[in-house]
Structure formats: structure tokens, C-alpha cells
Amino acid sequence: MIKGKCKFIPNIFTFSNMLFGLLSILLLIQSEHINKAIFVPILIFLGGAADLLDGFLARKLNAVAELGKQLDSFADIITFGVAPISLINYLSVCPYPIGIVLASLVYISAGAYRLARYNLSEFTGHYCGLPIPVAGVSLAAYSMVYPMWADFENPLLSTTVTVSFILLLSVLMISKKSIKRIV
């Protein structure tokens, strides 16, 4: 009986995921905070934790619903699409950022396509392509190590590696590779 009364709980975590993504974007564009390159990835990681919990709780509480699936995709495109790409663009040392910008557009498009494809399919315990939360968290983690290895004397090398990583994640998201859900 309690399970029926708790069907809204997964959506609380979905909205938390979305809010973490929005906060990370707002921190990047509105704040002069000196440590935003550290706080933004943490907010994306927190969004990832909320994303894991919303799906887990939806299944445990038998609260899986089409509305929740759609809300989750909207949250995911913000937190794991726009937020990490905004962070990468913020950190980019390239004096001519056209490569980063184009790779960013490809990444967002691939993420949106992957989410739409997921929403139109029946989940069988395997994902088709890399889930966007995994891609977004990977970009957030990359952003944390980027300043440690980036070649500020040779920004072309740093840009090439960054663009290659973004495009690799994009291709993996739209691939047909079957990936088993672990949580």
C-alpha cells in the first residue's frame, strides 16, 4: 500500500538531476567564482547520482511511467549534454575554438538522438549505445584532469585530444552497441 503513495518520489530525483545540471550551467555563465571548474563537475556528478536513484526508485516502487521517462530525458540532456559541453568550452585553451564548437554541436545532437531513440524503444535490460549520463559524467571527469595535462604552450594538441574525446563519446552514444544495465 505504501508503494502506491510514493510514486512521486522518483520524479523528485529526476528534478534534482535537472536542477544540478541547471545550477552547473548558471555557475559557469553567471559566476566569477574562482573554483567553478571544480564545482561544476561535482554538480554533474551529483546529477548522475540523482539520475541513478530516480531509475532505481522507479523500479523498486513500481512507479515507472511515461511521464517520468520523458522528464528523465529532459533532465539528462541538460545535466549530461549541455552542462558538460559548456564546461569543456569554458576550459578550452584553443585560440580558434571552431573545432570544440563543432564537436560540441555533434555531441549535443548525438545525445538528443540517443535519448529520443531510447524513449521510443522498450527497455530490455540492455541499452543501445552509450547512455548520455555515462558520456556526460565522462566529460565532467575529463574536465577535472584536463588542466593537469593540457599543453598550454601547444593548444592545438589539447584541442585535438578534446575534440577527439567528444567525438568518440558522440559516436558511442549513437552506436548500436548493446550495453547491459548494471544498476
C-alpha atoms as a PDB file:
ATOM      1  CA  MET A   1       0.000   0.000   0.000  1.00  0.00           C
ATOM      2  CA  ILE A   2       2.817   2.400   0.798  1.00  0.00           C
ATOM      3  CA  LYS A   3       4.337   1.884  -2.645  1.00  0.00           C
ATOM      4  CA  GLY A   4       1.320   3.482  -4.324  1.00  0.00           C
ATOM      5  CA  LYS A   5       1.660   6.608  -2.205  1.00  0.00           C
ATOM      6  CA  CYS A   6       5.345   7.013  -3.102  1.00  0.00           C
ATOM      7  CA  LYS A   7       5.074   7.058  -6.894  1.00  0.00           C
ATOM      8  CA  PHE A   8       6.133  10.736  -6.999  1.00  0.00           C
ATOM      9  CA  ILE A   9       9.489  10.061  -5.263  1.00  0.00           C
ATOM     10  CA  PRO A  10      11.435   9.103  -8.427  1.00  0.00           C
ATOM     11  CA  ASN A  11      10.365  12.396 -10.036  1.00  0.00           C
ATOM     12  CA  ILE A  12      11.895  14.293  -7.094  1.00  0.00           C
ATOM     13  CA  PHE A  13      15.242  12.750  -8.013  1.00  0.00           C
ATOM     14  CA  THR A  14      14.657  13.451 -11.711  1.00  0.00           C
ATOM     15  CA  PHE A  15      14.066  17.134 -10.945  1.00  0.00           C
ATOM     16  CA  SER A  16      17.103  17.113  -8.645  1.00  0.00           C
ATOM     17  CA  ASN A  17      19.154  15.803 -11.578  1.00  0.00           C
ATOM     18  CA  MET A  18      17.823  18.626 -13.749  1.00  0.00           C
ATOM     19  CA  LEU A  19      18.476  21.251 -11.081  1.00  0.00           C
ATOM     20  CA  PHE A  20      22.080  20.095 -10.637  1.00  0.00           C
ATOM     21  CA  GLY A  21      22.555  20.491 -14.395  1.00  0.00           C
ATOM     22  CA  LEU A  22      20.946  23.919 -14.468  1.00  0.00           C
ATOM     23  CA  LEU A  23      22.972  25.062 -11.464  1.00  0.00           C
ATOM     24  CA  SER A  24      26.174  23.966 -13.140  1.00  0.00           C
ATOM     25  CA  ILE A  25      25.317  25.945 -16.290  1.00  0.00           C
ATOM     26  CA  LEU A  26      24.336  29.023 -14.269  1.00  0.00           C
ATOM     27  CA  LEU A  27      27.554  28.779 -12.263  1.00  0.00           C
ATOM     28  CA  LEU A  28      29.535  28.750 -15.492  1.00  0.00           C
ATOM     29  CA  ILE A  29      27.804  31.715 -17.099  1.00  0.00           C
ATOM     30  CA  GLN A  30      26.961  33.958 -14.156  1.00  0.00           C
ATOM     31  CA  SER A  31      29.610  33.424 -11.549  1.00  0.00           C
ATOM     32  CA  GLU A  32      33.090  34.808 -11.141  1.00  0.00           C
ATOM     33  CA  HIS A  33      33.724  32.087  -8.560  1.00  0.00           C
ATOM     34  CA  ILE A  34      37.351  31.071  -8.794  1.00  0.00           C
ATOM     35  CA  ASN A  35      36.666  27.352  -8.274  1.00  0.00           C
ATOM     36  CA  LYS A  36      33.798  26.882 -10.703  1.00  0.00           C
ATOM     37  CA  ALA A  37      35.899  24.463 -12.783  1.00  0.00           C
ATOM     38  CA  ILE A  38      35.834  22.197  -9.704  1.00  0.00           C
ATOM     39  CA  PHE A  39      32.248  22.818  -8.547  1.00  0.00           C
ATOM     40  CA  VAL A  40      30.626  22.317 -11.947  1.00  0.00           C
ATOM     41  CA  PRO A  41      31.890  18.717 -12.390  1.00  0.00           C
ATOM     42  CA  ILE A  42      30.781  17.968  -8.821  1.00  0.00           C
ATOM     43  CA  LEU A  43      27.284  19.224  -9.663  1.00  0.00           C
ATOM     44  CA  ILE A  44      27.270  16.993 -12.761  1.00  0.00           C
ATOM     45  CA  PHE A  45      28.367  14.019 -10.627  1.00  0.00           C
ATOM     46  CA  LEU A  46      25.545  14.808  -8.167  1.00  0.00           C
ATOM     47  CA  GLY A  47      23.160  14.893 -11.133  1.00  0.00           C
ATOM     48  CA  GLY A  48      24.481  11.448 -12.060  1.00  0.00           C
ATOM     49  CA  ALA A  49      23.750  10.144  -8.562  1.00  0.00           C
ATOM     50  CA  ALA A  50      20.220  11.575  -8.708  1.00  0.00           C
ATOM     51  CA  ASP A  51      19.762  10.010 -12.158  1.00  0.00           C
ATOM     52  CA  LEU A  52      20.772   6.585 -10.837  1.00  0.00           C
ATOM     53  CA  LEU A  53      18.406   6.945  -7.899  1.00  0.00           C
ATOM     54  CA  ASP A  54      15.384   8.043  -9.945  1.00  0.00           C
ATOM     55  CA  GLY A  55      15.510   4.944 -12.135  1.00  0.00           C
ATOM     56  CA  PHE A  56      16.300   2.616  -9.244  1.00  0.00           C
ATOM     57  CA  LEU A  57      13.450   4.010  -7.143  1.00  0.00           C
ATOM     58  CA  ALA A  58      11.009   3.987 -10.056  1.00  0.00           C
ATOM     59  CA  ARG A  59      11.630   0.255 -10.498  1.00  0.00           C
ATOM     60  CA  LYS A  60      11.590  -0.515  -6.741  1.00  0.00           C
ATOM     61  CA  LEU A  61       8.408   1.468  -6.127  1.00  0.00           C
ATOM     62  CA  ASN A  62       6.736   0.211  -9.302  1.00  0.00           C
ATOM     63  CA  ALA A  63       6.459   3.828 -10.379  1.00  0.00           C
ATOM     64  CA  VAL A  64       7.783   3.524 -13.932  1.00  0.00           C
ATOM     65  CA  ALA A  65       5.696   5.876 -16.067  1.00  0.00           C
ATOM     66  CA  GLU A  66       5.897   7.502 -19.474  1.00  0.00           C
ATOM     67  CA  LEU A  67       5.918  10.976 -17.883  1.00  0.00           C
ATOM     68  CA  GLY A  68       8.920  10.019 -15.748  1.00  0.00           C
ATOM     69  CA  LYS A  69      10.747   8.647 -18.786  1.00  0.00           C
ATOM     70  CA  GLN A  70      10.225  11.919 -20.674  1.00  0.00           C
ATOM     71  CA  LEU A  71      11.197  14.086 -17.693  1.00  0.00           C
ATOM     72  CA  ASP A  72      14.321  11.973 -17.219  1.00  0.00           C
ATOM     73  CA  SER A  73      15.361  12.613 -20.816  1.00  0.00           C
ATOM     74  CA  PHE A  74      14.851  16.372 -20.441  1.00  0.00           C
ATOM     75  CA  ALA A  75      16.945  16.321 -17.268  1.00  0.00           C
ATOM     76  CA  ASP A  76      19.617  14.198 -18.948  1.00  0.00           C
ATOM     77  CA  ILE A  77      20.054  16.494 -21.956  1.00  0.00           C
ATOM     78  CA  ILE A  78      20.629  19.396 -19.563  1.00  0.00           C
ATOM     79  CA  THR A  79      22.843  17.703 -16.973  1.00  0.00           C
ATOM     80  CA  PHE A  80      24.789  15.331 -19.217  1.00  0.00           C
ATOM     81  CA  GLY A  81      24.544  17.159 -22.533  1.00  0.00           C
ATOM     82  CA  VAL A  82      24.568  20.943 -22.199  1.00  0.00           C
ATOM     83  CA  ALA A  83      26.314  21.232 -18.799  1.00  0.00           C
ATOM     84  CA  PRO A  84      29.437  19.151 -19.546  1.00  0.00           C
ATOM     85  CA  ILE A  85      29.817  20.613 -23.038  1.00  0.00           C
ATOM     86  CA  SER A  86      29.519  24.115 -21.568  1.00  0.00           C
ATOM     87  CA  LEU A  87      32.214  23.190 -19.061  1.00  0.00           C
ATOM     88  CA  ILE A  88      34.527  21.871 -21.779  1.00  0.00           C
ATOM     89  CA  ASN A  89      34.014  25.069 -23.786  1.00  0.00           C
ATOM     90  CA  TYR A  90      34.739  27.136 -20.671  1.00  0.00           C
ATOM     91  CA  LEU A  91      38.033  25.276 -20.100  1.00  0.00           C
ATOM     92  CA  SER A  92      39.144  25.206 -23.733  1.00  0.00           C
ATOM     93  CA  VAL A  93      42.512  26.844 -24.350  1.00  0.00           C
ATOM     94  CA  CYS A  94      42.148  26.888 -28.111  1.00  0.00           C
ATOM     95  CA  PRO A  95      42.572  30.369 -29.594  1.00  0.00           C
ATOM     96  CA  TYR A  96      40.332  29.310 -32.527  1.00  0.00           C
ATOM     97  CA  PRO A  97      37.607  27.226 -30.897  1.00  0.00           C
ATOM     98  CA  ILE A  98      35.748  26.192 -34.071  1.00  0.00           C
ATOM     99  CA  GLY A  99      36.755  22.535 -33.566  1.00  0.00           C
ATOM    100  CA  ILE A 100      35.446  22.496 -29.997  1.00  0.00           C
ATOM    101  CA  VAL A 101      32.255  24.280 -31.049  1.00  0.00           C
ATOM    102  CA  LEU A 102      31.565  21.858 -33.909  1.00  0.00           C
ATOM    103  CA  ALA A 103      32.333  18.812 -31.741  1.00  0.00           C
ATOM    104  CA  SER A 104      30.016  20.279 -29.084  1.00  0.00           C
ATOM    105  CA  LEU A 105      27.175  20.561 -31.594  1.00  0.00           C
ATOM    106  CA  VAL A 106      27.749  16.961 -32.685  1.00  0.00           C
ATOM    107  CA  TYR A 107      27.784  15.808 -29.035  1.00  0.00           C
ATOM    108  CA  ILE A 108      24.514  17.571 -28.133  1.00  0.00           C
ATOM    109  CA  SER A 109      22.866  16.255 -31.316  1.00  0.00           C
ATOM    110  CA  ALA A 110      24.093  12.703 -30.651  1.00  0.00           C
ATOM    111  CA  GLY A 111      22.875  12.908 -27.057  1.00  0.00           C
ATOM    112  CA  ALA A 112      19.437  14.153 -28.095  1.00  0.00           C
ATOM    113  CA  TYR A 113      19.199  11.454 -30.766  1.00  0.00           C
ATOM    114  CA  ARG A 114      20.223   8.769 -28.286  1.00  0.00           C
ATOM    115  CA  LEU A 115      17.617   9.926 -25.758  1.00  0.00           C
ATOM    116  CA  ALA A 116      14.860  10.058 -28.396  1.00  0.00           C
ATOM    117  CA  ARG A 117      15.784   6.576 -29.623  1.00  0.00           C
ATOM    118  CA  TYR A 118      15.693   5.303 -26.029  1.00  0.00           C
ATOM    119  CA  ASN A 119      12.295   6.903 -25.376  1.00  0.00           C
ATOM    120  CA  LEU A 120      10.813   5.196 -28.437  1.00  0.00           C
ATOM    121  CA  SER A 121      12.082   1.750 -27.512  1.00  0.00           C
ATOM    122  CA  GLU A 122      11.135  -0.865 -24.983  1.00  0.00           C
ATOM    123  CA  PHE A 123      13.890  -1.353 -22.418  1.00  0.00           C
ATOM    124  CA  THR A 124      15.102  -4.956 -22.312  1.00  0.00           C
ATOM    125  CA  GLY A 125      17.864  -4.629 -19.721  1.00  0.00           C
ATOM    126  CA  HIS A 126      20.365  -3.503 -22.363  1.00  0.00           C
ATOM    127  CA  TYR A 127      20.993  -0.017 -23.673  1.00  0.00           C
ATOM    128  CA  CYS A 128      21.533   0.610 -27.358  1.00  0.00           C
ATOM    129  CA  GLY A 129      24.584   2.843 -27.415  1.00  0.00           C
ATOM    130  CA  LEU A 130      26.352   4.611 -24.587  1.00  0.00           C
ATOM    131  CA  PRO A 131      23.837   6.283 -22.246  1.00  0.00           C
ATOM    132  CA  ILE A 132      24.217  10.053 -22.174  1.00  0.00           C
ATOM    133  CA  PRO A 133      24.699  10.101 -18.366  1.00  0.00           C
ATOM    134  CA  VAL A 134      27.840   7.982 -18.818  1.00  0.00           C
ATOM    135  CA  ALA A 135      29.067  10.304 -21.574  1.00  0.00           C
ATOM    136  CA  GLY A 136      28.332  13.440 -19.540  1.00  0.00           C
ATOM    137  CA  VAL A 137      29.977  12.150 -16.380  1.00  0.00           C
ATOM    138  CA  SER A 138      32.976  11.113 -18.513  1.00  0.00           C
ATOM    139  CA  LEU A 139      33.270  14.674 -19.844  1.00  0.00           C
ATOM    140  CA  ALA A 140      32.975  16.071 -16.313  1.00  0.00           C
ATOM    141  CA  ALA A 141      35.759  13.739 -15.144  1.00  0.00           C
ATOM    142  CA  TYR A 142      37.841  14.703 -18.192  1.00  0.00           C
ATOM    143  CA  SER A 143      37.404  18.370 -17.303  1.00  0.00           C
ATOM    144  CA  MET A 144      38.888  17.734 -13.880  1.00  0.00           C
ATOM    145  CA  VAL A 145      42.086  16.190 -15.273  1.00  0.00           C
ATOM    146  CA  TYR A 146      42.317  18.470 -18.315  1.00  0.00           C
ATOM    147  CA  PRO A 147      44.193  21.288 -16.526  1.00  0.00           C
ATOM    148  CA  MET A 148      46.790  18.775 -15.301  1.00  0.00           C
ATOM    149  CA  TRP A 149      47.824  17.603 -18.752  1.00  0.00           C
ATOM    150  CA  ALA A 150      46.678  20.307 -21.172  1.00  0.00           C
ATOM    151  CA  ASP A 151      49.549  21.711 -23.173  1.00  0.00           C
ATOM    152  CA  PHE A 152      49.062  25.439 -22.812  1.00  0.00           C
ATOM    153  CA  GLU A 153      52.125  26.026 -24.993  1.00  0.00           C
ATOM    154  CA  ASN A 154      50.585  23.936 -27.770  1.00  0.00           C
ATOM    155  CA  PRO A 155      46.798  24.453 -27.590  1.00  0.00           C
ATOM    156  CA  LEU A 156      46.339  22.601 -30.872  1.00  0.00           C
ATOM    157  CA  LEU A 157      47.339  19.326 -29.186  1.00  0.00           C
ATOM    158  CA  SER A 158      44.957  19.905 -26.265  1.00  0.00           C
ATOM    159  CA  THR A 159      42.163  20.836 -28.639  1.00  0.00           C
ATOM    160  CA  THR A 160      42.779  17.789 -30.850  1.00  0.00           C
ATOM    161  CA  VAL A 161      42.594  15.419 -27.869  1.00  0.00           C
ATOM    162  CA  THR A 162      39.480  17.164 -26.510  1.00  0.00           C
ATOM    163  CA  VAL A 163      37.685  17.177 -29.865  1.00  0.00           C
ATOM    164  CA  SER A 164      38.598  13.514 -30.408  1.00  0.00           C
ATOM    165  CA  PHE A 165      37.225  12.565 -26.988  1.00  0.00           C
ATOM    166  CA  ILE A 166      33.979  14.478 -27.554  1.00  0.00           C
ATOM    167  CA  LEU A 167      33.506  12.869 -30.979  1.00  0.00           C
ATOM    168  CA  LEU A 168      34.292   9.394 -29.594  1.00  0.00           C
ATOM    169  CA  LEU A 169      31.589   9.810 -26.932  1.00  0.00           C
ATOM    170  CA  SER A 170      29.196  11.084 -29.619  1.00  0.00           C
ATOM    171  CA  VAL A 171      29.781   8.052 -31.840  1.00  0.00           C
ATOM    172  CA  LEU A 172      29.401   5.686 -28.877  1.00  0.00           C
ATOM    173  CA  MET A 173      26.075   7.289 -27.925  1.00  0.00           C
ATOM    174  CA  ILE A 174      24.537   6.779 -31.368  1.00  0.00           C
ATOM    175  CA  SER A 175      26.111   3.379 -31.944  1.00  0.00           C
ATOM    176  CA  LYS A 176      24.051   0.196 -31.915  1.00  0.00           C
ATOM    177  CA  LYS A 177      26.401  -1.374 -29.334  1.00  0.00           C
ATOM    178  CA  SER A 178      24.430  -3.246 -26.702  1.00  0.00           C
ATOM    179  CA  ILE A 179      25.363  -2.239 -23.148  1.00  0.00           C
ATOM    180  CA  LYS A 180      23.897  -4.077 -20.151  1.00  0.00           C
ATOM    181  CA  ARG A 181      22.405  -2.008 -17.352  1.00  0.00           C
ATOM    182  CA  ILE A 182      24.457  -2.541 -14.201  1.00  0.00           C
ATOM    183  CA  VAL A 183      22.287  -0.685 -11.692  1.00  0.00           C
END
